[in-house]
Amino acid sequence: AQMLAFGLGLMVLLMLMLVRGDLLAAWQKRLPPDAPNHFLINVLPNDVQRLKEFLTRAGVGGRDGPEVFPMVRGRLTHINGRPVSGADYADDHARNLVEREFNLSWSARLQEDNRVVDGSFWDAQAHGRRELSVEKGLAETLGIRLGDELSYRILDRDVRATVTSLRKVEWDSFRANFFVLAPPGVFEEFPATWITSFYLPAERKRVAGELVRAFPSVTVIDLD
């Protein structure tokens, strides 16, 4: 009985290893060949322009370098004036989302790997308007609907804005994306760090080392 149990345990482990390898291989085949494989986080505002110039000189991210996105941290506190807490949700994933801070960002345009599935994205005249675009999966998890007013606590201030669109995000693109976006002028008064992602082929890995030496405060995440 002990030998049989031991043999079955080994067989299960081997099957898991094989299935894991097949799943990873199938997933990697679906990714575009130039999918970003490096993320840069904790980029300070004073380093943004210099970082873009460095990456442009290194030939990373196209003629103008990769797009760099701002990010502030805020906790969701109210939906339509009703206080929100983890105890309101039975699902563990929903509770974890509510009990931690969100990465909030702003953008004047919709990214190529985002698609509006409900409502409408803002136009060029939306600067400072209290509007939000929420990722569809997050909205479904937390019960957020189009037209809801969300309140986020950022540092010592509350920021309220209305959900005017729901987006579907292609997370497999590996570009920098956010669950919650606002137009420029809503979150810009708060201290922000910046984030970007880009593709770096194996033969040019030295660029990552040069970047770390030039920008010691930036965190480089090598997805490979």
C-alpha atoms as a PDB file:
ATOM      1  CA  ALA A   1       0.000   0.000   0.000  1.00  0.00           C
ATOM      2  CA  GLN A   2       2.829   2.378   0.814  1.00  0.00           C
ATOM      3  CA  MET A   3       4.620   1.626  -2.483  1.00  0.00           C
ATOM      4  CA  LEU A   4       1.361   2.101  -4.394  1.00  0.00           C
ATOM      5  CA  ALA A   5       0.705   5.452  -2.681  1.00  0.00           C
ATOM      6  CA  PHE A   6       4.288   6.560  -3.345  1.00  0.00           C
ATOM      7  CA  GLY A   7       4.020   5.570  -7.019  1.00  0.00           C
ATOM      8  CA  LEU A   8       0.716   7.386  -7.452  1.00  0.00           C
ATOM      9  CA  GLY A   9       2.171  10.498  -5.846  1.00  0.00           C
ATOM     10  CA  LEU A  10       5.118  10.497  -8.249  1.00  0.00           C
ATOM     11  CA  MET A  11       2.791   9.960 -11.197  1.00  0.00           C
ATOM     12  CA  VAL A  12       0.644  12.958 -10.198  1.00  0.00           C
ATOM     13  CA  LEU A  13       3.724  15.163  -9.829  1.00  0.00           C
ATOM     14  CA  LEU A  14       5.010  14.137 -13.260  1.00  0.00           C
ATOM     15  CA  MET A  15       1.594  14.808 -14.815  1.00  0.00           C
ATOM     16  CA  LEU A  16       1.493  18.255 -13.227  1.00  0.00           C
ATOM     17  CA  MET A  17       4.945  19.044 -14.634  1.00  0.00           C
ATOM     18  CA  LEU A  18       3.907  17.941 -18.123  1.00  0.00           C
ATOM     19  CA  VAL A  19       0.600  19.821 -18.050  1.00  0.00           C
ATOM     20  CA  ARG A  20       2.299  22.948 -16.703  1.00  0.00           C
ATOM     21  CA  GLY A  21       4.839  22.865 -19.511  1.00  0.00           C
ATOM     22  CA  ASP A  22       2.145  22.353 -22.168  1.00  0.00           C
ATOM     23  CA  LEU A  23       0.008  25.196 -20.762  1.00  0.00           C
ATOM     24  CA  LEU A  24       2.951  27.614 -20.645  1.00  0.00           C
ATOM     25  CA  ALA A  25       4.039  26.661 -24.175  1.00  0.00           C
ATOM     26  CA  ALA A  26       0.515  27.111 -25.553  1.00  0.00           C
ATOM     27  CA  TRP A  27       0.169  30.460 -23.769  1.00  0.00           C
ATOM     28  CA  GLN A  28       3.539  31.716 -25.061  1.00  0.00           C
ATOM     29  CA  LYS A  29       2.568  30.834 -28.636  1.00  0.00           C
ATOM     30  CA  ARG A  30      -0.462  33.112 -28.354  1.00  0.00           C
ATOM     31  CA  LEU A  31       1.666  36.102 -27.342  1.00  0.00           C
ATOM     32  CA  PRO A  32       2.911  38.405 -30.105  1.00  0.00           C
ATOM     33  CA  PRO A  33       6.654  38.030 -30.766  1.00  0.00           C
ATOM     34  CA  ASP A  34       7.321  41.596 -29.619  1.00  0.00           C
ATOM     35  CA  ALA A  35       5.193  41.450 -26.442  1.00  0.00           C
ATOM     36  CA  PRO A  36       6.867  43.535 -23.707  1.00  0.00           C
ATOM     37  CA  ASN A  37       9.153  41.460 -21.505  1.00  0.00           C
ATOM     38  CA  HIS A  38      10.433  44.201 -19.212  1.00  0.00           C
ATOM     39  CA  PHE A  39       8.514  46.437 -16.808  1.00  0.00           C
ATOM     40  CA  LEU A  40       9.908  49.577 -15.205  1.00  0.00           C
ATOM     41  CA  ILE A  41       8.186  50.797 -12.038  1.00  0.00           C
ATOM     42  CA  ASN A  42       8.899  53.467  -9.411  1.00  0.00           C
ATOM     43  CA  VAL A  43      10.028  55.956 -12.055  1.00  0.00           C
ATOM     44  CA  LEU A  44      10.169  59.371 -10.385  1.00  0.00           C
ATOM     45  CA  PRO A  45       8.642  62.390 -12.161  1.00  0.00           C
ATOM     46  CA  ASN A  46      12.032  64.081 -12.537  1.00  0.00           C
ATOM     47  CA  ASP A  47      13.386  60.995 -14.296  1.00  0.00           C
ATOM     48  CA  VAL A  48      10.571  60.496 -16.829  1.00  0.00           C
ATOM     49  CA  GLN A  49      11.949  62.618 -19.666  1.00  0.00           C
ATOM     50  CA  ARG A  50      15.518  61.481 -19.102  1.00  0.00           C
ATOM     51  CA  LEU A  51      14.395  57.840 -19.063  1.00  0.00           C
ATOM     52  CA  LYS A  52      12.501  58.247 -22.331  1.00  0.00           C
ATOM     53  CA  GLU A  53      15.580  59.828 -23.919  1.00  0.00           C
ATOM     54  CA  PHE A  54      17.744  56.951 -22.650  1.00  0.00           C
ATOM     55  CA  LEU A  55      15.403  54.303 -24.084  1.00  0.00           C
ATOM     56  CA  THR A  56      15.080  56.190 -27.377  1.00  0.00           C
ATOM     57  CA  ARG A  57      18.864  56.324 -27.763  1.00  0.00           C
ATOM     58  CA  ALA A  58      18.989  52.595 -26.962  1.00  0.00           C
ATOM     59  CA  GLY A  59      16.450  51.920 -29.736  1.00  0.00           C
ATOM     60  CA  VAL A  60      13.834  50.587 -27.322  1.00  0.00           C
ATOM     61  CA  GLY A  61      10.115  51.224 -27.830  1.00  0.00           C
ATOM     62  CA  GLY A  62      10.238  52.803 -31.283  1.00  0.00           C
ATOM     63  CA  ARG A  63      11.247  56.234 -32.501  1.00  0.00           C
ATOM     64  CA  ASP A  64       9.892  58.078 -29.440  1.00  0.00           C
ATOM     65  CA  GLY A  65      10.600  55.354 -26.876  1.00  0.00           C
ATOM     66  CA  PRO A  66       7.916  53.436 -24.949  1.00  0.00           C
ATOM     67  CA  GLU A  67       4.917  55.273 -23.557  1.00  0.00           C
ATOM     68  CA  VAL A  68       5.272  56.054 -19.849  1.00  0.00           C
ATOM     69  CA  PHE A  69       2.187  56.117 -17.614  1.00  0.00           C
ATOM     70  CA  PRO A  70       1.557  57.934 -14.316  1.00  0.00           C
ATOM     71  CA  MET A  71       0.260  56.068 -11.297  1.00  0.00           C
ATOM     72  CA  VAL A  72      -1.153  57.131  -7.936  1.00  0.00           C
ATOM     73  CA  ARG A  73      -2.389  54.916  -5.122  1.00  0.00           C
ATOM     74  CA  GLY A  74      -5.909  55.202  -3.750  1.00  0.00           C
ATOM     75  CA  ARG A  75      -8.351  53.094  -1.736  1.00  0.00           C
ATOM     76  CA  LEU A  76     -11.978  52.683  -2.840  1.00  0.00           C
ATOM     77  CA  THR A  77     -14.080  53.911   0.091  1.00  0.00           C
ATOM     78  CA  HIS A  78     -17.608  54.547  -1.269  1.00  0.00           C
ATOM     79  CA  ILE A  79     -19.870  53.503  -4.142  1.00  0.00           C
ATOM     80  CA  ASN A  80     -22.762  55.940  -4.633  1.00  0.00           C
ATOM     81  CA  GLY A  81     -22.132  57.340  -1.160  1.00  0.00           C
ATOM     82  CA  ARG A  82     -22.310  53.910   0.489  1.00  0.00           C
ATOM     83  CA  PRO A  83     -19.198  52.896   2.471  1.00  0.00           C
ATOM     84  CA  VAL A  84     -17.354  49.918   0.990  1.00  0.00           C
ATOM     85  CA  SER A  85     -15.478  47.245   2.934  1.00  0.00           C
ATOM     86  CA  GLY A  86     -14.277  43.699   2.409  1.00  0.00           C
ATOM     87  CA  ALA A  87     -17.113  42.421   4.604  1.00  0.00           C
ATOM     88  CA  ASP A  88     -19.573  43.447   1.869  1.00  0.00           C
ATOM     89  CA  TYR A  89     -18.321  40.701  -0.455  1.00  0.00           C
ATOM     90  CA  ALA A  90     -18.447  36.920  -0.142  1.00  0.00           C
ATOM     91  CA  ASP A  91     -15.842  36.382  -2.859  1.00  0.00           C
ATOM     92  CA  ASP A  92     -12.219  36.349  -1.635  1.00  0.00           C
ATOM     93  CA  HIS A  93     -10.975  38.084  -4.774  1.00  0.00           C
ATOM     94  CA  ALA A  94     -13.442  40.935  -4.328  1.00  0.00           C
ATOM     95  CA  ARG A  95     -12.505  41.324  -0.657  1.00  0.00           C
ATOM     96  CA  ASN A  96      -8.801  41.484  -1.526  1.00  0.00           C
ATOM     97  CA  LEU A  97      -9.446  44.155  -4.137  1.00  0.00           C
ATOM     98  CA  VAL A  98     -11.440  46.348  -1.758  1.00  0.00           C
ATOM     99  CA  GLU A  99      -9.030  45.972   1.144  1.00  0.00           C
ATOM    100  CA  ARG A 100      -5.973  47.125  -0.787  1.00  0.00           C
ATOM    101  CA  GLU A 101      -5.093  50.308  -2.628  1.00  0.00           C
ATOM    102  CA  PHE A 102      -5.743  50.618  -6.349  1.00  0.00           C
ATOM    103  CA  ASN A 103      -3.241  51.822  -8.928  1.00  0.00           C
ATOM    104  CA  LEU A 104      -5.024  54.779 -10.508  1.00  0.00           C
ATOM    105  CA  SER A 105      -3.892  56.524 -13.667  1.00  0.00           C
ATOM    106  CA  TRP A 106      -4.986  59.107 -16.214  1.00  0.00           C
ATOM    107  CA  SER A 107      -4.896  59.308 -19.988  1.00  0.00           C
ATOM    108  CA  ALA A 108      -6.299  61.570 -22.675  1.00  0.00           C
ATOM    109  CA  ARG A 109      -6.801  58.695 -25.112  1.00  0.00           C
ATOM    110  CA  LEU A 110      -7.750  55.024 -25.154  1.00  0.00           C
ATOM    111  CA  GLN A 111      -4.907  52.553 -25.571  1.00  0.00           C
ATOM    112  CA  GLU A 112      -4.885  50.202 -28.580  1.00  0.00           C
ATOM    113  CA  ASP A 113      -5.362  47.108 -26.376  1.00  0.00           C
ATOM    114  CA  ASN A 114      -8.417  48.632 -24.634  1.00  0.00           C
ATOM    115  CA  ARG A 115     -11.966  48.531 -25.992  1.00  0.00           C
ATOM    116  CA  VAL A 116     -14.988  50.363 -24.594  1.00  0.00           C
ATOM    117  CA  VAL A 117     -17.865  47.910 -24.092  1.00  0.00           C
ATOM    118  CA  ASP A 118     -20.309  50.240 -22.327  1.00  0.00           C
ATOM    119  CA  GLY A 119     -20.631  54.004 -22.167  1.00  0.00           C
ATOM    120  CA  SER A 120     -18.221  56.303 -23.964  1.00  0.00           C
ATOM    121  CA  PHE A 121     -14.600  57.325 -23.460  1.00  0.00           C
ATOM    122  CA  TRP A 122     -13.911  61.015 -22.920  1.00  0.00           C
ATOM    123  CA  ASP A 123     -12.792  63.457 -25.578  1.00  0.00           C
ATOM    124  CA  ALA A 124      -9.993  66.018 -25.697  1.00  0.00           C
ATOM    125  CA  GLN A 125     -12.088  68.564 -23.789  1.00  0.00           C
ATOM    126  CA  ALA A 126     -12.507  66.315 -20.728  1.00  0.00           C
ATOM    127  CA  HIS A 127      -9.501  67.717 -18.822  1.00  0.00           C
ATOM    128  CA  GLY A 128     -10.404  67.923 -15.139  1.00  0.00           C
ATOM    129  CA  ARG A 129     -13.865  66.362 -15.526  1.00  0.00           C
ATOM    130  CA  ARG A 130     -14.646  63.926 -12.712  1.00  0.00           C
ATOM    131  CA  GLU A 131     -15.063  60.852 -14.937  1.00  0.00           C
ATOM    132  CA  LEU A 132     -13.751  57.301 -14.612  1.00  0.00           C
ATOM    133  CA  SER A 133     -13.262  54.397 -16.986  1.00  0.00           C
ATOM    134  CA  VAL A 134     -13.308  51.026 -15.181  1.00  0.00           C
ATOM    135  CA  GLU A 135     -12.111  47.651 -16.449  1.00  0.00           C
ATOM    136  CA  LYS A 136     -15.123  45.418 -17.114  1.00  0.00           C
ATOM    137  CA  GLY A 137     -13.931  42.436 -15.031  1.00  0.00           C
ATOM    138  CA  LEU A 138     -13.274  44.622 -11.999  1.00  0.00           C
ATOM    139  CA  ALA A 139     -16.676  46.259 -12.372  1.00  0.00           C
ATOM    140  CA  GLU A 140     -18.409  42.871 -12.429  1.00  0.00           C
ATOM    141  CA  THR A 141     -16.438  41.646  -9.406  1.00  0.00           C
ATOM    142  CA  LEU A 142     -17.256  44.697  -7.279  1.00  0.00           C
ATOM    143  CA  GLY A 143     -20.771  45.323  -8.607  1.00  0.00           C
ATOM    144  CA  ILE A 144     -19.863  48.657 -10.219  1.00  0.00           C
ATOM    145  CA  ARG A 145     -22.185  49.900 -12.965  1.00  0.00           C
ATOM    146  CA  LEU A 146     -22.171  52.666 -15.506  1.00  0.00           C
ATOM    147  CA  GLY A 147     -23.213  55.937 -13.841  1.00  0.00           C
ATOM    148  CA  ASP A 148     -22.037  54.917 -10.346  1.00  0.00           C
ATOM    149  CA  GLU A 149     -20.136  57.483  -8.315  1.00  0.00           C
ATOM    150  CA  LEU A 150     -16.912  56.103  -6.836  1.00  0.00           C
ATOM    151  CA  SER A 151     -14.962  57.724  -4.043  1.00  0.00           C
ATOM    152  CA  TYR A 152     -11.238  57.070  -3.588  1.00  0.00           C
ATOM    153  CA  ARG A 153      -9.138  58.045  -0.600  1.00  0.00           C
ATOM    154  CA  ILE A 154      -5.771  59.344  -1.836  1.00  0.00           C
ATOM    155  CA  LEU A 155      -3.395  60.419   0.907  1.00  0.00           C
ATOM    156  CA  ASP A 156      -5.653  62.545   3.151  1.00  0.00           C
ATOM    157  CA  ARG A 157      -8.212  63.560   0.538  1.00  0.00           C
ATOM    158  CA  ASP A 158     -11.333  62.010  -1.020  1.00  0.00           C
ATOM    159  CA  VAL A 159     -11.790  62.162  -4.774  1.00  0.00           C
ATOM    160  CA  ARG A 160     -15.260  61.436  -6.192  1.00  0.00           C
ATOM    161  CA  ALA A 161     -15.930  60.731  -9.863  1.00  0.00           C
ATOM    162  CA  THR A 162     -18.591  59.079 -12.018  1.00  0.00           C
ATOM    163  CA  VAL A 163     -18.097  55.917 -14.074  1.00  0.00           C
ATOM    164  CA  THR A 164     -18.721  56.932 -17.698  1.00  0.00           C
ATOM    165  CA  SER A 165     -17.310  53.878 -19.471  1.00  0.00           C
ATOM    166  CA  LEU A 166     -16.411  50.226 -18.966  1.00  0.00           C
ATOM    167  CA  ARG A 167     -13.396  48.818 -20.809  1.00  0.00           C
ATOM    168  CA  LYS A 168     -12.236  45.389 -21.864  1.00  0.00           C
ATOM    169  CA  VAL A 169      -8.455  45.162 -21.500  1.00  0.00           C
ATOM    170  CA  GLU A 170      -6.231  42.719 -23.362  1.00  0.00           C
ATOM    171  CA  TRP A 171      -3.991  41.878 -20.409  1.00  0.00           C
ATOM    172  CA  ASP A 172      -2.025  39.394 -22.543  1.00  0.00           C
ATOM    173  CA  SER A 173      -0.603  42.334 -24.484  1.00  0.00           C
ATOM    174  CA  PHE A 174       1.726  42.845 -21.474  1.00  0.00           C
ATOM    175  CA  ARG A 175       1.503  46.601 -21.901  1.00  0.00           C
ATOM    176  CA  ALA A 176       1.043  48.800 -18.868  1.00  0.00           C
ATOM    177  CA  ASN A 177      -2.681  48.903 -18.111  1.00  0.00           C
ATOM    178  CA  PHE A 178      -4.908  49.987 -15.239  1.00  0.00           C
ATOM    179  CA  PHE A 179      -8.223  48.930 -13.754  1.00  0.00           C
ATOM    180  CA  VAL A 180      -9.299  52.554 -13.262  1.00  0.00           C
ATOM    181  CA  LEU A 181      -8.517  55.541 -15.511  1.00  0.00           C
ATOM    182  CA  ALA A 182      -9.473  59.208 -15.304  1.00  0.00           C
ATOM    183  CA  PRO A 183      -9.000  62.104 -17.714  1.00  0.00           C
ATOM    184  CA  PRO A 184      -5.962  64.338 -17.168  1.00  0.00           C
ATOM    185  CA  GLY A 185      -6.496  66.883 -14.411  1.00  0.00           C
ATOM    186  CA  VAL A 186      -8.296  64.626 -11.917  1.00  0.00           C
ATOM    187  CA  PHE A 187      -5.421  62.848 -10.141  1.00  0.00           C
ATOM    188  CA  GLU A 188      -2.487  65.000 -11.287  1.00  0.00           C
ATOM    189  CA  GLU A 189      -2.345  67.044  -8.074  1.00  0.00           C
ATOM    190  CA  PHE A 190      -1.223  63.958  -6.124  1.00  0.00           C
ATOM    191  CA  PRO A 191       2.344  62.603  -5.971  1.00  0.00           C
ATOM    192  CA  ALA A 192       2.780  59.998  -8.697  1.00  0.00           C
ATOM    193  CA  THR A 193       5.321  57.488  -9.867  1.00  0.00           C
ATOM    194  CA  TRP A 194       5.504  56.313 -13.461  1.00  0.00           C
ATOM    195  CA  ILE A 195       5.512  52.917 -15.137  1.00  0.00           C
ATOM    196  CA  THR A 196       6.275  51.538 -18.590  1.00  0.00           C
ATOM    197  CA  SER A 197       6.916  48.268 -20.390  1.00  0.00           C
ATOM    198  CA  PHE A 198       8.917  47.382 -23.484  1.00  0.00           C
ATOM    199  CA  TYR A 199      10.349  44.480 -25.470  1.00  0.00           C
ATOM    200  CA  LEU A 200      14.064  43.795 -25.201  1.00  0.00           C
ATOM    201  CA  PRO A 201      15.523  40.914 -27.254  1.00  0.00           C
ATOM    202  CA  ALA A 202      17.919  38.508 -25.560  1.00  0.00           C
ATOM    203  CA  GLU A 203      20.960  39.801 -27.459  1.00  0.00           C
ATOM    204  CA  ARG A 204      20.370  43.297 -26.047  1.00  0.00           C
ATOM    205  CA  LYS A 205      19.997  42.441 -22.370  1.00  0.00           C
ATOM    206  CA  ARG A 206      22.953  44.709 -21.619  1.00  0.00           C
ATOM    207  CA  VAL A 207      20.582  47.673 -22.032  1.00  0.00           C
ATOM    208  CA  ALA A 208      18.785  46.607 -18.832  1.00  0.00           C
ATOM    209  CA  GLY A 209      22.072  46.666 -16.918  1.00  0.00           C
ATOM    210  CA  GLU A 210      22.949  50.094 -18.279  1.00  0.00           C
ATOM    211  CA  LEU A 211      19.504  51.342 -17.323  1.00  0.00           C
ATOM    212  CA  VAL A 212      19.883  50.150 -13.724  1.00  0.00           C
ATOM    213  CA  ARG A 213      23.212  51.952 -13.430  1.00  0.00           C
ATOM    214  CA  ALA A 214      21.802  55.157 -14.922  1.00  0.00           C
ATOM    215  CA  PHE A 215      18.556  55.054 -12.888  1.00  0.00           C
ATOM    216  CA  PRO A 216      19.261  53.290  -9.564  1.00  0.00           C
ATOM    217  CA  SER A 217      15.854  54.232  -8.105  1.00  0.00           C
ATOM    218  CA  VAL A 218      13.926  52.488 -10.926  1.00  0.00           C
ATOM    219  CA  THR A 219      12.806  48.885 -10.392  1.00  0.00           C
ATOM    220  CA  VAL A 220      13.331  46.671 -13.458  1.00  0.00           C
ATOM    221  CA  ILE A 221      11.185  43.522 -13.716  1.00  0.00           C
ATOM    222  CA  ASP A 222      12.431  41.015 -16.289  1.00  0.00           C
ATOM    223  CA  LEU A 223       9.417  38.858 -17.233  1.00  0.00           C
ATOM    224  CA  ASP A 224      11.567  36.359 -19.120  1.00  0.00           C
END
